[in-house]
């Protein structure tokens, strides 16, 4: 068995989202989704109910009136936001573990994931582009393959870093040389196993590039936000010049230093309040 085959054989060992969360996600994806059925499914799960009510009443989403029922929370937030929240609630416990081979301390991986999610949405708005409703969720999950490789597949991070330094290549290139795959491909395979929507899976799979400029808005926003977060150290990780954004993508969106500086500033201004939503989840 090759190293690549061994890695993909471990995917089923990764704990999936709680079954109730999975059912809610499946239901919301149906074209003829029943609003009342979504409410009932959430109400039957005390953890989902507690967290969605807490999030709906947080400073991040709060309106004029206090939300006291799941129905009112779903009405206020909408199904797209409920989908994002359920994913984040399921993802948070997985993402807040230490991932030793990638030098990710407890919490730093989740902090980076949230920073990139915020940055992707902000960047699309700054560039006056239509924000896909799945962008936040896709950005949140963009590096989930690192959890698989680092926690469940026993990857040797030092070997990958040695290749980076010796050959002067980016981290994902070194992954492919050492493992026969990379964290983007592994993350996409895991999300397909979890029956995530293909538009989210595609962003995860191609957030390091490989999507034509004319139809790659979502993966390009995640690629740029990820690069700027890593270079600036926003969100707990800092990998510097190894993660320079694609010049081709930068040029396509006509991004200059002023836009990137404003993006980092906007992420820094919102990150703590966003992270506070999921503490204790």
C-alpha atoms as a PDB file:
ATOM      1  CA  UNK A   1       0.000   0.000   0.000  1.00  0.00           C
ATOM      2  CA  UNK A   2       1.392   3.397  -0.975  1.00  0.00           C
ATOM      3  CA  UNK A   3       1.513   6.299   1.489  1.00  0.00           C
ATOM      4  CA  UNK A   4      -1.297   7.963  -0.454  1.00  0.00           C
ATOM      5  CA  UNK A   5      -3.486   4.841  -0.283  1.00  0.00           C
ATOM      6  CA  UNK A   6      -2.766   4.490   3.419  1.00  0.00           C
ATOM      7  CA  UNK A   7      -3.847   8.099   4.054  1.00  0.00           C
ATOM      8  CA  UNK A   8      -7.129   7.737   2.194  1.00  0.00           C
ATOM      9  CA  UNK A   9      -7.858   4.492   4.023  1.00  0.00           C
ATOM     10  CA  UNK A  10      -7.889   6.462   7.301  1.00  0.00           C
ATOM     11  CA  UNK A  11     -10.687   8.861   6.290  1.00  0.00           C
ATOM     12  CA  UNK A  12     -13.459   6.747   7.781  1.00  0.00           C
ATOM     13  CA  UNK A  13     -11.743   6.902  11.178  1.00  0.00           C
ATOM     14  CA  UNK A  14     -12.265  10.667  11.390  1.00  0.00           C
ATOM     15  CA  UNK A  15     -15.294  11.384  13.618  1.00  0.00           C
ATOM     16  CA  UNK A  16     -18.080  12.919  11.568  1.00  0.00           C
ATOM     17  CA  UNK A  17     -20.474  15.593  12.752  1.00  0.00           C
ATOM     18  CA  UNK A  18     -23.085  14.501  15.310  1.00  0.00           C
ATOM     19  CA  UNK A  19     -25.877  12.631  13.527  1.00  0.00           C
ATOM     20  CA  UNK A  20     -28.453  15.314  14.367  1.00  0.00           C
ATOM     21  CA  UNK A  21     -26.248  18.009  12.825  1.00  0.00           C
ATOM     22  CA  UNK A  22     -25.794  15.858   9.733  1.00  0.00           C
ATOM     23  CA  UNK A  23     -29.554  15.450   9.357  1.00  0.00           C
ATOM     24  CA  UNK A  24     -30.072  19.215   9.630  1.00  0.00           C
ATOM     25  CA  UNK A  25     -27.423  19.838   6.956  1.00  0.00           C
ATOM     26  CA  UNK A  26     -28.974  17.217   4.662  1.00  0.00           C
ATOM     27  CA  UNK A  27     -32.407  18.746   5.099  1.00  0.00           C
ATOM     28  CA  UNK A  28     -31.297  22.318   4.404  1.00  0.00           C
ATOM     29  CA  UNK A  29     -29.671  21.178   1.150  1.00  0.00           C
ATOM     30  CA  UNK A  30     -32.960  19.858  -0.252  1.00  0.00           C
ATOM     31  CA  UNK A  31     -34.460  22.066  -2.970  1.00  0.00           C
ATOM     32  CA  UNK A  32     -37.915  21.791  -1.346  1.00  0.00           C
ATOM     33  CA  UNK A  33     -36.640  22.269   2.220  1.00  0.00           C
ATOM     34  CA  UNK A  34     -39.382  22.374   4.848  1.00  0.00           C
ATOM     35  CA  UNK A  35     -38.722  25.256   7.257  1.00  0.00           C
ATOM     36  CA  UNK A  36     -40.773  23.686  10.071  1.00  0.00           C
ATOM     37  CA  UNK A  37     -38.947  20.376   9.723  1.00  0.00           C
ATOM     38  CA  UNK A  38     -35.598  22.153  10.124  1.00  0.00           C
ATOM     39  CA  UNK A  39     -36.898  23.820  13.290  1.00  0.00           C
ATOM     40  CA  UNK A  40     -38.129  20.498  14.695  1.00  0.00           C
ATOM     41  CA  UNK A  41     -34.855  18.690  13.985  1.00  0.00           C
ATOM     42  CA  UNK A  42     -32.901  21.389  15.809  1.00  0.00           C
ATOM     43  CA  UNK A  43     -35.378  21.417  18.725  1.00  0.00           C
ATOM     44  CA  UNK A  44     -34.924  17.666  19.228  1.00  0.00           C
ATOM     45  CA  UNK A  45     -31.200  18.179  19.867  1.00  0.00           C
ATOM     46  CA  UNK A  46     -30.436  20.042  23.123  1.00  0.00           C
ATOM     47  CA  UNK A  47     -26.851  20.854  22.067  1.00  0.00           C
ATOM     48  CA  UNK A  48     -27.889  22.339  18.725  1.00  0.00           C
ATOM     49  CA  UNK A  49     -30.777  24.234  20.324  1.00  0.00           C
ATOM     50  CA  UNK A  50     -28.602  25.706  23.072  1.00  0.00           C
ATOM     51  CA  UNK A  51     -25.837  26.783  20.746  1.00  0.00           C
ATOM     52  CA  UNK A  52     -28.064  28.204  18.001  1.00  0.00           C
ATOM     53  CA  UNK A  53     -30.026  30.255  20.534  1.00  0.00           C
ATOM     54  CA  UNK A  54     -26.766  31.439  22.073  1.00  0.00           C
ATOM     55  CA  UNK A  55     -25.364  32.396  18.696  1.00  0.00           C
ATOM     56  CA  UNK A  56     -28.583  34.112  17.591  1.00  0.00           C
ATOM     57  CA  UNK A  57     -28.452  36.275  20.722  1.00  0.00           C
ATOM     58  CA  UNK A  58     -24.734  37.024  20.484  1.00  0.00           C
ATOM     59  CA  UNK A  59     -23.441  40.508  19.753  1.00  0.00           C
ATOM     60  CA  UNK A  60     -22.468  39.236  16.309  1.00  0.00           C
ATOM     61  CA  UNK A  61     -26.081  38.571  15.243  1.00  0.00           C
ATOM     62  CA  UNK A  62     -28.251  40.193  17.889  1.00  0.00           C
ATOM     63  CA  UNK A  63     -31.232  42.290  16.814  1.00  0.00           C
ATOM     64  CA  UNK A  64     -33.498  44.491  18.900  1.00  0.00           C
ATOM     65  CA  UNK A  65     -35.434  41.656  20.535  1.00  0.00           C
ATOM     66  CA  UNK A  66     -34.102  38.659  22.475  1.00  0.00           C
ATOM     67  CA  UNK A  67     -34.524  35.349  20.639  1.00  0.00           C
ATOM     68  CA  UNK A  68     -36.092  32.646  22.831  1.00  0.00           C
ATOM     69  CA  UNK A  69     -37.200  29.960  20.358  1.00  0.00           C
ATOM     70  CA  UNK A  70     -35.488  27.968  17.621  1.00  0.00           C
ATOM     71  CA  UNK A  71     -38.177  29.098  15.185  1.00  0.00           C
ATOM     72  CA  UNK A  72     -37.365  32.755  15.805  1.00  0.00           C
ATOM     73  CA  UNK A  73     -33.633  32.029  15.538  1.00  0.00           C
ATOM     74  CA  UNK A  74     -34.094  30.372  12.136  1.00  0.00           C
ATOM     75  CA  UNK A  75     -36.318  33.243  10.972  1.00  0.00           C
ATOM     76  CA  UNK A  76     -33.802  35.874  12.069  1.00  0.00           C
ATOM     77  CA  UNK A  77     -30.717  34.140  10.704  1.00  0.00           C
ATOM     78  CA  UNK A  78     -32.041  32.418   7.587  1.00  0.00           C
ATOM     79  CA  UNK A  79     -31.228  28.910   6.406  1.00  0.00           C
ATOM     80  CA  UNK A  80     -27.853  29.874   4.900  1.00  0.00           C
ATOM     81  CA  UNK A  81     -26.634  31.176   8.266  1.00  0.00           C
ATOM     82  CA  UNK A  82     -28.148  28.186  10.086  1.00  0.00           C
ATOM     83  CA  UNK A  83     -26.201  25.899   7.719  1.00  0.00           C
ATOM     84  CA  UNK A  84     -22.990  27.829   8.471  1.00  0.00           C
ATOM     85  CA  UNK A  85     -23.635  27.669  12.214  1.00  0.00           C
ATOM     86  CA  UNK A  86     -24.376  23.942  12.275  1.00  0.00           C
ATOM     87  CA  UNK A  87     -21.157  23.254  10.335  1.00  0.00           C
ATOM     88  CA  UNK A  88     -19.176  25.475  12.715  1.00  0.00           C
ATOM     89  CA  UNK A  89     -20.730  23.796  15.778  1.00  0.00           C
ATOM     90  CA  UNK A  90     -19.771  20.367  14.407  1.00  0.00           C
ATOM     91  CA  UNK A  91     -16.340  21.511  13.235  1.00  0.00           C
ATOM     92  CA  UNK A  92     -15.220  23.408  16.355  1.00  0.00           C
ATOM     93  CA  UNK A  93     -14.425  20.367  18.578  1.00  0.00           C
ATOM     94  CA  UNK A  94     -12.441  18.713  15.747  1.00  0.00           C
ATOM     95  CA  UNK A  95     -10.568  21.910  14.909  1.00  0.00           C
ATOM     96  CA  UNK A  96      -9.524  22.812  18.438  1.00  0.00           C
ATOM     97  CA  UNK A  97      -7.180  19.858  18.910  1.00  0.00           C
ATOM     98  CA  UNK A  98      -3.387  20.012  18.763  1.00  0.00           C
ATOM     99  CA  UNK A  99      -2.052  18.875  15.375  1.00  0.00           C
ATOM    100  CA  UNK A 100       1.601  18.181  16.190  1.00  0.00           C
ATOM    101  CA  UNK A 101       3.057  17.375  12.743  1.00  0.00           C
ATOM    102  CA  UNK A 102       1.836  20.764  11.492  1.00  0.00           C
ATOM    103  CA  UNK A 103       2.975  22.659  14.601  1.00  0.00           C
ATOM    104  CA  UNK A 104      -0.626  23.656  15.313  1.00  0.00           C
ATOM    105  CA  UNK A 105      -1.313  24.212  18.991  1.00  0.00           C
ATOM    106  CA  UNK A 106      -4.746  23.650  20.525  1.00  0.00           C
ATOM    107  CA  UNK A 107      -7.008  26.383  19.241  1.00  0.00           C
ATOM    108  CA  UNK A 108      -4.609  27.912  16.689  1.00  0.00           C
ATOM    109  CA  UNK A 109      -5.973  25.817  13.826  1.00  0.00           C
ATOM    110  CA  UNK A 110      -9.552  26.881  14.565  1.00  0.00           C
ATOM    111  CA  UNK A 111      -8.475  30.501  14.985  1.00  0.00           C
ATOM    112  CA  UNK A 112      -6.814  30.435  11.568  1.00  0.00           C
ATOM    113  CA  UNK A 113      -9.871  28.755  10.018  1.00  0.00           C
ATOM    114  CA  UNK A 114     -12.206  31.431  11.390  1.00  0.00           C
ATOM    115  CA  UNK A 115      -9.827  34.219  10.310  1.00  0.00           C
ATOM    116  CA  UNK A 116      -9.793  32.911   6.725  1.00  0.00           C
ATOM    117  CA  UNK A 117     -13.590  32.550   6.736  1.00  0.00           C
ATOM    118  CA  UNK A 118     -14.006  36.171   7.857  1.00  0.00           C
ATOM    119  CA  UNK A 119     -11.356  37.351   5.410  1.00  0.00           C
ATOM    120  CA  UNK A 120     -12.864  35.544   2.426  1.00  0.00           C
ATOM    121  CA  UNK A 121     -16.252  37.186   2.915  1.00  0.00           C
ATOM    122  CA  UNK A 122     -14.747  40.607   3.641  1.00  0.00           C
ATOM    123  CA  UNK A 123     -12.510  40.428   0.597  1.00  0.00           C
ATOM    124  CA  UNK A 124     -15.381  39.602  -1.749  1.00  0.00           C
ATOM    125  CA  UNK A 125     -17.339  42.561  -0.356  1.00  0.00           C
ATOM    126  CA  UNK A 126     -14.318  44.899  -0.602  1.00  0.00           C
ATOM    127  CA  UNK A 127     -13.927  43.937  -4.269  1.00  0.00           C
ATOM    128  CA  UNK A 128     -17.693  44.469  -4.774  1.00  0.00           C
ATOM    129  CA  UNK A 129     -18.242  40.877  -5.797  1.00  0.00           C
ATOM    130  CA  UNK A 130     -21.315  38.807  -5.053  1.00  0.00           C
ATOM    131  CA  UNK A 131     -20.605  36.714  -1.954  1.00  0.00           C
ATOM    132  CA  UNK A 132     -21.635  33.056  -2.474  1.00  0.00           C
ATOM    133  CA  UNK A 133     -23.754  31.919   0.510  1.00  0.00           C
ATOM    134  CA  UNK A 134     -21.446  28.940   1.067  1.00  0.00           C
ATOM    135  CA  UNK A 135     -18.218  30.984   1.092  1.00  0.00           C
ATOM    136  CA  UNK A 136     -17.899  31.315   4.888  1.00  0.00           C
ATOM    137  CA  UNK A 137     -18.426  27.590   5.446  1.00  0.00           C
ATOM    138  CA  UNK A 138     -16.047  26.563   2.659  1.00  0.00           C
ATOM    139  CA  UNK A 139     -13.363  28.906   3.991  1.00  0.00           C
ATOM    140  CA  UNK A 140     -13.869  27.618   7.526  1.00  0.00           C
ATOM    141  CA  UNK A 141     -13.203  24.064   6.325  1.00  0.00           C
ATOM    142  CA  UNK A 142     -10.409  24.857   3.847  1.00  0.00           C
ATOM    143  CA  UNK A 143      -7.599  23.205   5.860  1.00  0.00           C
ATOM    144  CA  UNK A 144      -9.529  20.319   7.406  1.00  0.00           C
ATOM    145  CA  UNK A 145      -7.244  17.920   5.526  1.00  0.00           C
ATOM    146  CA  UNK A 146      -4.435  18.960   7.906  1.00  0.00           C
ATOM    147  CA  UNK A 147      -6.407  17.435  10.781  1.00  0.00           C
ATOM    148  CA  UNK A 148      -6.691  14.159   8.879  1.00  0.00           C
ATOM    149  CA  UNK A 149      -3.005  14.098   7.954  1.00  0.00           C
ATOM    150  CA  UNK A 150      -1.727  15.301  11.305  1.00  0.00           C
ATOM    151  CA  UNK A 151      -4.041  13.514  13.724  1.00  0.00           C
ATOM    152  CA  UNK A 152      -5.230  10.355  11.982  1.00  0.00           C
ATOM    153  CA  UNK A 153      -2.640   9.513   9.308  1.00  0.00           C
ATOM    154  CA  UNK A 154       0.521   9.967  11.379  1.00  0.00           C
ATOM    155  CA  UNK A 155       2.198  12.263   8.852  1.00  0.00           C
ATOM    156  CA  UNK A 156       5.798  13.317   9.511  1.00  0.00           C
ATOM    157  CA  UNK A 157       5.665  17.108   9.305  1.00  0.00           C
ATOM    158  CA  UNK A 158       9.421  17.466   9.654  1.00  0.00           C
ATOM    159  CA  UNK A 159      10.028  15.546   6.445  1.00  0.00           C
ATOM    160  CA  UNK A 160       7.652  17.851   4.573  1.00  0.00           C
ATOM    161  CA  UNK A 161       9.313  20.952   5.992  1.00  0.00           C
ATOM    162  CA  UNK A 162      12.738  19.641   4.995  1.00  0.00           C
ATOM    163  CA  UNK A 163      11.553  19.341   1.402  1.00  0.00           C
ATOM    164  CA  UNK A 164      10.166  22.898   1.571  1.00  0.00           C
ATOM    165  CA  UNK A 165      13.514  24.256   2.707  1.00  0.00           C
ATOM    166  CA  UNK A 166      15.735  22.108   0.508  1.00  0.00           C
ATOM    167  CA  UNK A 167      13.787  22.613  -2.725  1.00  0.00           C
ATOM    168  CA  UNK A 168      12.280  26.043  -2.004  1.00  0.00           C
ATOM    169  CA  UNK A 169       8.717  24.907  -2.730  1.00  0.00           C
ATOM    170  CA  UNK A 170       5.432  25.748  -1.043  1.00  0.00           C
ATOM    171  CA  UNK A 171       4.122  23.465   1.685  1.00  0.00           C
ATOM    172  CA  UNK A 172       1.389  21.805  -0.369  1.00  0.00           C
ATOM    173  CA  UNK A 173       3.933  21.009  -3.125  1.00  0.00           C
ATOM    174  CA  UNK A 174       6.192  19.365  -0.554  1.00  0.00           C
ATOM    175  CA  UNK A 175       3.200  17.389   0.765  1.00  0.00           C
ATOM    176  CA  UNK A 176       2.590  15.948  -2.684  1.00  0.00           C
ATOM    177  CA  UNK A 177       6.268  15.014  -3.078  1.00  0.00           C
ATOM    178  CA  UNK A 178       6.358  13.227   0.282  1.00  0.00           C
ATOM    179  CA  UNK A 179       2.823  11.842   0.556  1.00  0.00           C
ATOM    180  CA  UNK A 180       1.535  11.569  -2.998  1.00  0.00           C
ATOM    181  CA  UNK A 181      -1.331  13.894  -2.018  1.00  0.00           C
ATOM    182  CA  UNK A 182      -1.865  17.138  -0.126  1.00  0.00           C
ATOM    183  CA  UNK A 183      -4.140  18.451   2.614  1.00  0.00           C
ATOM    184  CA  UNK A 184      -6.487  20.108   0.090  1.00  0.00           C
ATOM    185  CA  UNK A 185      -7.195  16.852  -1.755  1.00  0.00           C
ATOM    186  CA  UNK A 186      -7.517  14.903   1.496  1.00  0.00           C
ATOM    187  CA  UNK A 187      -9.863  17.512   2.982  1.00  0.00           C
ATOM    188  CA  UNK A 188     -12.072  17.400  -0.108  1.00  0.00           C
ATOM    189  CA  UNK A 189     -12.242  13.603   0.035  1.00  0.00           C
ATOM    190  CA  UNK A 190     -13.279  13.743   3.694  1.00  0.00           C
ATOM    191  CA  UNK A 191     -16.030  16.287   2.992  1.00  0.00           C
ATOM    192  CA  UNK A 192     -17.361  14.149   0.142  1.00  0.00           C
ATOM    193  CA  UNK A 193     -17.490  11.241   2.585  1.00  0.00           C
ATOM    194  CA  UNK A 194     -19.511  13.513   4.890  1.00  0.00           C
ATOM    195  CA  UNK A 195     -21.872  14.380   2.012  1.00  0.00           C
ATOM    196  CA  UNK A 196     -21.035  18.087   2.018  1.00  0.00           C
ATOM    197  CA  UNK A 197     -22.268  20.140  -0.965  1.00  0.00           C
ATOM    198  CA  UNK A 198     -19.923  19.924  -3.944  1.00  0.00           C
ATOM    199  CA  UNK A 199     -19.496  23.710  -4.166  1.00  0.00           C
ATOM    200  CA  UNK A 200     -17.964  23.640  -0.659  1.00  0.00           C
ATOM    201  CA  UNK A 201     -15.866  20.565  -1.465  1.00  0.00           C
ATOM    202  CA  UNK A 202     -14.530  22.222  -4.614  1.00  0.00           C
ATOM    203  CA  UNK A 203     -13.346  25.299  -2.695  1.00  0.00           C
ATOM    204  CA  UNK A 204     -11.477  23.105  -0.214  1.00  0.00           C
ATOM    205  CA  UNK A 205      -9.918  21.059  -3.011  1.00  0.00           C
ATOM    206  CA  UNK A 206      -8.731  24.054  -5.052  1.00  0.00           C
ATOM    207  CA  UNK A 207      -7.969  26.751  -2.476  1.00  0.00           C
ATOM    208  CA  UNK A 208      -4.292  26.591  -3.479  1.00  0.00           C
ATOM    209  CA  UNK A 209      -5.104  27.080  -7.158  1.00  0.00           C
ATOM    210  CA  UNK A 210      -6.074  25.080 -10.216  1.00  0.00           C
ATOM    211  CA  UNK A 211      -9.428  26.735 -10.949  1.00  0.00           C
ATOM    212  CA  UNK A 212      -9.832  28.885 -14.100  1.00  0.00           C
ATOM    213  CA  UNK A 213      -9.901  32.603 -13.305  1.00  0.00           C
ATOM    214  CA  UNK A 214     -13.285  33.158 -14.920  1.00  0.00           C
ATOM    215  CA  UNK A 215     -15.202  30.777 -12.619  1.00  0.00           C
ATOM    216  CA  UNK A 216     -13.112  30.512  -9.469  1.00  0.00           C
ATOM    217  CA  UNK A 217     -14.471  33.304  -7.274  1.00  0.00           C
ATOM    218  CA  UNK A 218     -14.967  31.284  -4.071  1.00  0.00           C
ATOM    219  CA  UNK A 219     -11.675  29.305  -4.125  1.00  0.00           C
ATOM    220  CA  UNK A 220      -9.807  32.459  -5.156  1.00  0.00           C
ATOM    221  CA  UNK A 221     -11.202  34.458  -2.221  1.00  0.00           C
ATOM    222  CA  UNK A 222     -10.175  31.651   0.150  1.00  0.00           C
ATOM    223  CA  UNK A 223      -6.745  31.404  -1.482  1.00  0.00           C
ATOM    224  CA  UNK A 224      -6.087  35.128  -1.062  1.00  0.00           C
ATOM    225  CA  UNK A 225      -7.486  35.371   2.477  1.00  0.00           C
ATOM    226  CA  UNK A 226      -5.502  32.295   3.515  1.00  0.00           C
ATOM    227  CA  UNK A 227      -2.275  33.727   2.090  1.00  0.00           C
ATOM    228  CA  UNK A 228      -2.710  37.121   3.742  1.00  0.00           C
ATOM    229  CA  UNK A 229      -3.567  35.548   7.110  1.00  0.00           C
ATOM    230  CA  UNK A 230      -0.494  33.292   6.976  1.00  0.00           C
ATOM    231  CA  UNK A 231       1.866  36.072   5.887  1.00  0.00           C
ATOM    232  CA  UNK A 232       0.623  38.515   8.516  1.00  0.00           C
ATOM    233  CA  UNK A 233       0.190  36.005  11.347  1.00  0.00           C
ATOM    234  CA  UNK A 234      -3.481  36.891  11.765  1.00  0.00           C
ATOM    235  CA  UNK A 235      -5.340  33.926  13.195  1.00  0.00           C
ATOM    236  CA  UNK A 236      -2.594  32.153  15.089  1.00  0.00           C
ATOM    237  CA  UNK A 237      -0.500  30.729  12.225  1.00  0.00           C
ATOM    238  CA  UNK A 238       2.371  32.344  10.380  1.00  0.00           C
ATOM    239  CA  UNK A 239       4.093  30.623   7.462  1.00  0.00           C
ATOM    240  CA  UNK A 240       5.481  33.698   5.713  1.00  0.00           C
ATOM    241  CA  UNK A 241       6.804  33.782   2.158  1.00  0.00           C
ATOM    242  CA  UNK A 242       6.050  30.109   1.551  1.00  0.00           C
ATOM    243  CA  UNK A 243       2.435  31.178   1.200  1.00  0.00           C
ATOM    244  CA  UNK A 244       2.666  34.146  -1.146  1.00  0.00           C
ATOM    245  CA  UNK A 245      -0.616  34.567  -3.032  1.00  0.00           C
ATOM    246  CA  UNK A 246      -0.769  33.727  -6.716  1.00  0.00           C
ATOM    247  CA  UNK A 247       0.327  36.707  -8.808  1.00  0.00           C
ATOM    248  CA  UNK A 248      -2.146  35.638 -11.489  1.00  0.00           C
ATOM    249  CA  UNK A 249      -5.071  35.709  -9.039  1.00  0.00           C
ATOM    250  CA  UNK A 250      -3.939  39.016  -7.510  1.00  0.00           C
ATOM    251  CA  UNK A 251      -3.739  40.592 -10.958  1.00  0.00           C
ATOM    252  CA  UNK A 252      -7.115  39.222 -12.019  1.00  0.00           C
ATOM    253  CA  UNK A 253      -8.850  40.943  -9.089  1.00  0.00           C
ATOM    254  CA  UNK A 254      -6.626  44.032  -9.361  1.00  0.00           C
ATOM    255  CA  UNK A 255      -5.557  43.799  -5.757  1.00  0.00           C
ATOM    256  CA  UNK A 256      -2.951  46.195  -4.448  1.00  0.00           C
ATOM    257  CA  UNK A 257      -1.189  46.641  -1.126  1.00  0.00           C
ATOM    258  CA  UNK A 258      -3.909  48.963   0.163  1.00  0.00           C
ATOM    259  CA  UNK A 259      -6.636  46.336  -0.286  1.00  0.00           C
ATOM    260  CA  UNK A 260      -4.582  43.625   1.415  1.00  0.00           C
ATOM    261  CA  UNK A 261      -3.743  45.933   4.330  1.00  0.00           C
ATOM    262  CA  UNK A 262      -7.405  46.846   4.791  1.00  0.00           C
ATOM    263  CA  UNK A 263      -8.331  43.168   4.622  1.00  0.00           C
ATOM    264  CA  UNK A 264      -5.915  42.211   7.412  1.00  0.00           C
ATOM    265  CA  UNK A 265      -7.187  45.133   9.493  1.00  0.00           C
ATOM    266  CA  UNK A 266     -10.818  44.064   9.019  1.00  0.00           C
ATOM    267  CA  UNK A 267     -10.026  40.462  10.007  1.00  0.00           C
ATOM    268  CA  UNK A 268      -8.205  41.609  13.130  1.00  0.00           C
ATOM    269  CA  UNK A 269     -11.157  43.825  14.068  1.00  0.00           C
ATOM    270  CA  UNK A 270     -13.704  41.017  13.831  1.00  0.00           C
ATOM    271  CA  UNK A 271     -11.789  37.879  14.764  1.00  0.00           C
ATOM    272  CA  UNK A 272     -12.150  37.977  18.542  1.00  0.00           C
ATOM    273  CA  UNK A 273     -15.911  38.531  18.483  1.00  0.00           C
ATOM    274  CA  UNK A 274     -16.316  35.744  15.908  1.00  0.00           C
ATOM    275  CA  UNK A 275     -14.201  33.324  17.980  1.00  0.00           C
ATOM    276  CA  UNK A 276     -16.224  34.149  21.079  1.00  0.00           C
ATOM    277  CA  UNK A 277     -19.292  32.739  19.317  1.00  0.00           C
ATOM    278  CA  UNK A 278     -17.846  29.261  19.399  1.00  0.00           C
ATOM    279  CA  UNK A 279     -16.095  29.136  22.755  1.00  0.00           C
ATOM    280  CA  UNK A 280     -17.758  26.443  24.786  1.00  0.00           C
ATOM    281  CA  UNK A 281     -19.371  24.810  21.756  1.00  0.00           C
END
